[in-house]
């Protein structure tokens, strides 16, 4: 199929374009999602993520926790090397400083 598609680029492009437009038209004719009505005039949007926020607040979470995932990799160091862990500790301390400055507490001095 890939070989045939490579040899017949234009018919494949036209077919994909037609299928994409056809799916869009079919979605709109069946109702689709009205993005304007889902997000306008409400404190929290009525999308799935907005409903999840409402459910979390109803469970007692006054403010939603912020999370940050950081992946640290090295081409030359292993995870067991002390230099790697020193780098991780430096990254964590810098992120804690930034968090402190965002929370209203004094943050790090700018160099």
N, C-alpha and C. Protein backbone atom coordinates (compact mmCIF):
# COMPACT_ATOMS: atom_id res chain seq x y z
N UNK A 1 0.82 -1.18 0.00
CA UNK A 1 0.00 0.00 0.00
C UNK A 1 0.88 1.26 0.00
N UNK A 2 1.96 1.21 0.76
CA UNK A 2 2.86 2.35 0.80
C UNK A 2 3.50 2.59 -0.55
N UNK A 3 3.88 1.52 -1.21
CA UNK A 3 4.49 1.65 -2.53
C UNK A 3 3.49 2.23 -3.53
N UNK A 4 2.26 1.75 -3.49
CA UNK A 4 1.23 2.28 -4.38
C UNK A 4 0.98 3.75 -4.08
N UNK A 5 0.92 4.11 -2.79
CA UNK A 5 0.69 5.50 -2.40
C UNK A 5 1.83 6.40 -2.86
N UNK A 6 3.06 5.90 -2.78
CA UNK A 6 4.21 6.68 -3.22
C UNK A 6 4.18 6.90 -4.73
N UNK A 7 3.69 5.93 -5.46
CA UNK A 7 3.64 6.05 -6.91
C UNK A 7 2.46 6.90 -7.39
N UNK A 8 1.44 7.01 -6.56
CA UNK A 8 0.23 7.76 -6.93
C UNK A 8 -0.01 8.87 -5.92
N UNK A 9 0.93 9.80 -5.83
CA UNK A 9 0.87 10.85 -4.81
C UNK A 9 -0.36 11.74 -4.93
N UNK A 10 -0.64 12.21 -6.13
CA UNK A 10 -1.74 13.15 -6.30
C UNK A 10 -3.10 12.52 -5.99
N UNK A 11 -3.41 11.33 -6.49
CA UNK A 11 -4.71 10.74 -6.10
C UNK A 11 -4.82 10.51 -4.59
N UNK A 12 -3.71 10.14 -3.95
CA UNK A 12 -3.73 9.91 -2.51
C UNK A 12 -3.97 11.23 -1.77
N UNK A 13 -3.28 12.30 -2.20
CA UNK A 13 -3.47 13.60 -1.56
C UNK A 13 -4.91 14.08 -1.73
N UNK A 14 -5.44 13.94 -2.91
CA UNK A 14 -6.82 14.37 -3.16
C UNK A 14 -7.79 13.53 -2.34
N UNK A 15 -7.54 12.22 -2.24
CA UNK A 15 -8.42 11.36 -1.44
C UNK A 15 -8.38 11.75 0.05
N UNK A 16 -7.16 11.99 0.58
CA UNK A 16 -7.06 12.40 1.99
C UNK A 16 -7.74 13.74 2.22
N UNK A 17 -7.58 14.66 1.31
CA UNK A 17 -8.23 15.96 1.43
C UNK A 17 -9.74 15.78 1.43
N UNK A 18 -10.25 14.97 0.52
CA UNK A 18 -11.69 14.73 0.43
C UNK A 18 -12.22 14.05 1.69
N UNK A 19 -11.49 13.08 2.20
CA UNK A 19 -11.92 12.40 3.42
C UNK A 19 -11.92 13.36 4.61
N UNK A 20 -10.89 14.19 4.71
CA UNK A 20 -10.81 15.14 5.81
C UNK A 20 -11.97 16.13 5.76
N UNK A 21 -12.21 16.72 4.61
CA UNK A 21 -13.32 17.67 4.46
C UNK A 21 -14.65 16.96 4.68
N UNK A 22 -14.77 15.74 4.17
CA UNK A 22 -16.00 14.98 4.36
C UNK A 22 -16.28 14.70 5.83
N UNK A 23 -15.25 14.32 6.59
CA UNK A 23 -15.44 14.09 8.03
C UNK A 23 -15.81 15.37 8.75
N UNK A 24 -15.21 16.48 8.37
CA UNK A 24 -15.54 17.77 8.97
C UNK A 24 -17.00 18.12 8.71
N UNK A 25 -17.43 17.99 7.47
CA UNK A 25 -18.82 18.31 7.12
C UNK A 25 -19.78 17.38 7.84
N UNK A 26 -19.46 16.09 7.90
CA UNK A 26 -20.32 15.13 8.60
C UNK A 26 -20.41 15.46 10.08
N UNK A 27 -19.28 15.83 10.69
CA UNK A 27 -19.28 16.19 12.11
C UNK A 27 -20.15 17.41 12.36
N UNK A 28 -20.04 18.41 11.50
CA UNK A 28 -20.84 19.62 11.67
C UNK A 28 -22.33 19.35 11.45
N UNK A 29 -22.66 18.48 10.51
CA UNK A 29 -24.07 18.19 10.24
C UNK A 29 -24.69 17.38 11.38
N UNK A 30 -23.87 16.64 12.12
CA UNK A 30 -24.39 15.87 13.25
C UNK A 30 -24.40 16.67 14.55
N UNK A 31 -24.02 17.91 14.50
CA UNK A 31 -24.06 18.76 15.69
C UNK A 31 -22.70 19.26 16.11
N UNK A 32 -21.71 18.42 16.09
CA UNK A 32 -20.37 18.83 16.47
C UNK A 32 -20.32 19.44 17.86
N UNK A 33 -19.22 20.08 18.18
CA UNK A 33 -19.09 20.80 19.45
C UNK A 33 -19.15 22.28 19.13
N UNK A 34 -20.05 22.96 19.77
CA UNK A 34 -20.15 24.40 19.58
C UNK A 34 -19.17 25.06 20.54
N UNK A 35 -17.98 25.34 20.05
CA UNK A 35 -16.91 25.86 20.90
C UNK A 35 -17.27 27.19 21.54
N UNK A 36 -18.00 28.04 20.85
CA UNK A 36 -18.35 29.34 21.41
C UNK A 36 -19.30 29.15 22.58
N UNK A 37 -20.31 28.31 22.43
CA UNK A 37 -21.27 28.11 23.52
C UNK A 37 -20.66 27.33 24.67
N UNK A 38 -19.65 26.53 24.41
CA UNK A 38 -19.03 25.74 25.46
C UNK A 38 -18.13 26.58 26.35
N UNK A 39 -17.62 27.69 25.83
CA UNK A 39 -16.66 28.47 26.61
C UNK A 39 -17.10 29.89 26.93
N UNK A 40 -18.18 30.36 26.36
CA UNK A 40 -18.54 31.77 26.57
C UNK A 40 -19.44 31.94 27.78
N UNK A 41 -19.19 33.02 28.50
CA UNK A 41 -20.07 33.41 29.59
C UNK A 41 -19.99 32.57 30.84
N UNK A 42 -19.05 31.69 30.95
CA UNK A 42 -18.94 30.85 32.13
C UNK A 42 -17.57 31.04 32.76
N UNK A 43 -17.54 30.92 34.10
CA UNK A 43 -16.26 31.03 34.79
C UNK A 43 -15.35 29.89 34.37
N UNK A 44 -15.91 28.69 34.28
CA UNK A 44 -15.17 27.51 33.84
C UNK A 44 -15.89 26.98 32.61
N UNK A 45 -15.12 26.65 31.59
CA UNK A 45 -15.73 26.18 30.35
C UNK A 45 -16.46 24.86 30.57
N UNK A 46 -17.39 24.58 29.68
CA UNK A 46 -18.18 23.36 29.79
C UNK A 46 -17.57 22.21 28.99
N UNK A 47 -16.29 22.29 28.75
CA UNK A 47 -15.59 21.20 28.10
C UNK A 47 -15.30 20.12 29.15
N UNK A 48 -14.70 19.02 28.73
CA UNK A 48 -14.41 17.94 29.69
C UNK A 48 -13.45 18.42 30.77
N UNK A 49 -12.44 19.19 30.39
CA UNK A 49 -11.49 19.67 31.39
C UNK A 49 -12.16 20.66 32.33
N UNK A 50 -13.07 21.47 31.81
CA UNK A 50 -13.80 22.40 32.66
C UNK A 50 -14.68 21.68 33.65
N UNK A 51 -15.35 20.63 33.22
CA UNK A 51 -16.18 19.84 34.15
C UNK A 51 -15.32 19.14 35.18
N UNK A 52 -14.10 18.73 34.79
CA UNK A 52 -13.19 18.09 35.75
C UNK A 52 -12.77 19.08 36.83
N UNK A 53 -12.52 20.33 36.44
CA UNK A 53 -12.15 21.36 37.42
C UNK A 53 -13.31 21.59 38.40
N UNK A 54 -14.53 21.66 37.89
CA UNK A 54 -15.69 21.83 38.76
C UNK A 54 -15.81 20.67 39.72
N UNK A 55 -15.59 19.44 39.25
CA UNK A 55 -15.68 18.27 40.12
C UNK A 55 -14.59 18.29 41.18
N UNK A 56 -13.38 18.71 40.83
CA UNK A 56 -12.30 18.78 41.81
C UNK A 56 -12.59 19.83 42.87
N UNK A 57 -13.13 20.98 42.45
CA UNK A 57 -13.47 22.02 43.42
C UNK A 57 -14.59 21.56 44.34
N UNK A 58 -15.53 20.79 43.81
CA UNK A 58 -16.63 20.28 44.64
C UNK A 58 -16.11 19.30 45.68
N UNK A 59 -14.99 18.68 45.40
CA UNK A 59 -14.41 17.73 46.33
C UNK A 59 -13.60 18.39 47.44
N UNK A 60 -13.55 19.70 47.46
CA UNK A 60 -12.86 20.39 48.54
C UNK A 60 -11.54 21.02 48.15
N UNK A 61 -11.14 20.90 46.92
CA UNK A 61 -9.87 21.50 46.51
C UNK A 61 -10.12 22.96 46.15
N UNK A 62 -9.75 23.87 47.05
CA UNK A 62 -9.96 25.29 46.81
C UNK A 62 -9.11 25.80 45.66
N UNK A 63 -7.87 25.43 45.65
CA UNK A 63 -7.01 25.78 44.53
C UNK A 63 -6.40 24.49 43.99
N UNK A 64 -6.31 24.44 42.71
CA UNK A 64 -5.80 23.23 42.08
C UNK A 64 -4.29 23.18 42.17
N UNK A 65 -3.73 22.02 42.45
CA UNK A 65 -2.27 21.92 42.56
C UNK A 65 -1.62 22.06 41.18
N UNK A 66 -0.48 22.69 41.18
CA UNK A 66 0.31 22.79 39.95
C UNK A 66 1.37 21.72 39.99
N UNK A 67 1.57 21.08 38.86
CA UNK A 67 2.58 20.04 38.77
C UNK A 67 3.52 20.34 37.62
N UNK A 68 4.76 19.96 37.81
CA UNK A 68 5.75 20.11 36.76
C UNK A 68 6.59 18.85 36.74
N UNK A 69 6.63 18.21 35.60
CA UNK A 69 7.47 17.03 35.43
C UNK A 69 8.70 17.43 34.63
N UNK A 70 9.84 17.09 35.13
CA UNK A 70 11.09 17.43 34.46
C UNK A 70 11.86 16.13 34.24
N UNK A 71 12.29 15.90 33.02
CA UNK A 71 13.11 14.73 32.70
C UNK A 71 14.54 15.21 32.52
N UNK A 72 15.43 14.64 33.30
CA UNK A 72 16.84 15.02 33.24
C UNK A 72 17.59 13.86 32.61
N UNK A 73 18.30 14.16 31.53
CA UNK A 73 19.09 13.13 30.86
C UNK A 73 20.51 13.63 30.67
N UNK A 74 21.39 12.69 30.47
CA UNK A 74 22.78 13.03 30.22
C UNK A 74 23.35 12.04 29.22
N UNK A 75 24.15 12.53 28.31
CA UNK A 75 24.79 11.65 27.35
C UNK A 75 26.05 11.01 27.92
N UNK A 76 26.62 11.64 28.95
CA UNK A 76 27.89 11.13 29.46
C UNK A 76 27.79 10.55 30.88
N UNK A 77 26.79 10.94 31.66
CA UNK A 77 26.68 10.47 33.04
C UNK A 77 25.60 9.42 33.18
N UNK A 78 25.79 8.54 34.16
CA UNK A 78 24.77 7.56 34.50
C UNK A 78 23.95 8.10 35.67
N UNK A 79 22.79 7.54 35.87
CA UNK A 79 21.93 7.98 36.96
C UNK A 79 22.60 7.74 38.31
N UNK A 80 23.44 6.78 38.40
CA UNK A 80 24.09 6.46 39.67
C UNK A 80 25.30 7.34 39.97
N UNK A 81 25.74 8.17 39.02
CA UNK A 81 26.89 9.04 39.23
C UNK A 81 26.53 10.21 40.15
N UNK A 82 27.39 10.55 41.10
CA UNK A 82 27.14 11.68 41.99
C UNK A 82 26.99 13.01 41.25
N UNK A 83 27.72 13.19 40.16
CA UNK A 83 27.62 14.44 39.40
C UNK A 83 26.22 14.60 38.81
N UNK A 84 25.61 13.50 38.40
CA UNK A 84 24.25 13.55 37.88
C UNK A 84 23.29 14.02 38.97
N UNK A 85 23.42 13.46 40.17
CA UNK A 85 22.53 13.83 41.27
C UNK A 85 22.78 15.26 41.74
N UNK A 86 24.03 15.74 41.64
CA UNK A 86 24.29 17.14 41.96
C UNK A 86 23.56 18.06 40.98
N UNK A 87 23.54 17.68 39.72
CA UNK A 87 22.82 18.46 38.72
C UNK A 87 21.33 18.45 39.00
N UNK A 88 20.79 17.29 39.34
CA UNK A 88 19.36 17.19 39.67
C UNK A 88 19.05 18.06 40.88
N UNK A 89 19.90 18.02 41.91
CA UNK A 89 19.68 18.83 43.11
C UNK A 89 19.71 20.32 42.77
N UNK A 90 20.61 20.73 41.88
CA UNK A 90 20.67 22.13 41.46
C UNK A 90 19.39 22.54 40.73
N UNK A 91 18.90 21.69 39.86
CA UNK A 91 17.66 21.98 39.13
C UNK A 91 16.50 22.10 40.10
N UNK A 92 16.41 21.19 41.06
CA UNK A 92 15.32 21.23 42.04
C UNK A 92 15.38 22.50 42.87
N UNK A 93 16.56 22.88 43.32
CA UNK A 93 16.67 24.09 44.15
C UNK A 93 16.31 25.34 43.35
N UNK A 94 16.70 25.39 42.08
CA UNK A 94 16.33 26.55 41.25
C UNK A 94 14.83 26.61 41.03
N UNK A 95 14.21 25.46 40.81
CA UNK A 95 12.76 25.43 40.63
C UNK A 95 12.04 25.84 41.92
N UNK A 96 12.57 25.44 43.07
CA UNK A 96 11.98 25.85 44.34
C UNK A 96 12.11 27.35 44.54
N UNK A 97 13.22 27.94 44.11
CA UNK A 97 13.39 29.39 44.20
C UNK A 97 12.37 30.11 43.32
N UNK A 98 12.17 29.61 42.12
CA UNK A 98 11.19 30.23 41.22
C UNK A 98 9.80 30.11 41.81
N UNK A 99 9.46 28.95 42.35
CA UNK A 99 8.16 28.74 42.97
C UNK A 99 7.97 29.71 44.12
N UNK A 100 9.01 29.90 44.92
CA UNK A 100 8.91 30.82 46.05
C UNK A 100 8.65 32.24 45.57
N UNK A 101 9.29 32.66 44.48
CA UNK A 101 9.07 34.01 44.00
C UNK A 101 7.69 34.18 43.40
N UNK A 102 7.12 33.13 42.81
CA UNK A 102 5.78 33.20 42.26
C UNK A 102 4.75 33.22 43.38
N UNK A 103 4.99 32.52 44.47
CA UNK A 103 4.05 32.47 45.58
C UNK A 103 4.02 33.76 46.39
N UNK A 104 4.84 34.72 46.06
CA UNK A 104 4.87 35.98 46.78
C UNK A 104 5.98 36.08 47.79
N UNK A 105 6.65 35.00 48.03
CA UNK A 105 7.80 35.05 48.93
C UNK A 105 9.00 35.52 48.13
N UNK A 106 10.01 36.04 48.80
CA UNK A 106 11.16 36.53 48.05
C UNK A 106 11.79 35.42 47.24
N UNK A 107 12.10 35.71 45.99
CA UNK A 107 12.70 34.73 45.11
C UNK A 107 14.19 34.97 44.99
N UNK A 108 14.81 34.30 44.06
CA UNK A 108 16.26 34.45 43.90
C UNK A 108 16.60 35.82 43.34
N UNK A 109 17.78 36.29 43.69
CA UNK A 109 18.26 37.57 43.14
C UNK A 109 18.66 37.35 41.70
N UNK A 110 18.36 38.30 40.86
CA UNK A 110 18.75 38.19 39.45
C UNK A 110 20.23 38.48 39.31
N UNK A 111 20.92 37.70 38.50
CA UNK A 111 22.36 37.92 38.33
C UNK A 111 22.63 39.21 37.58
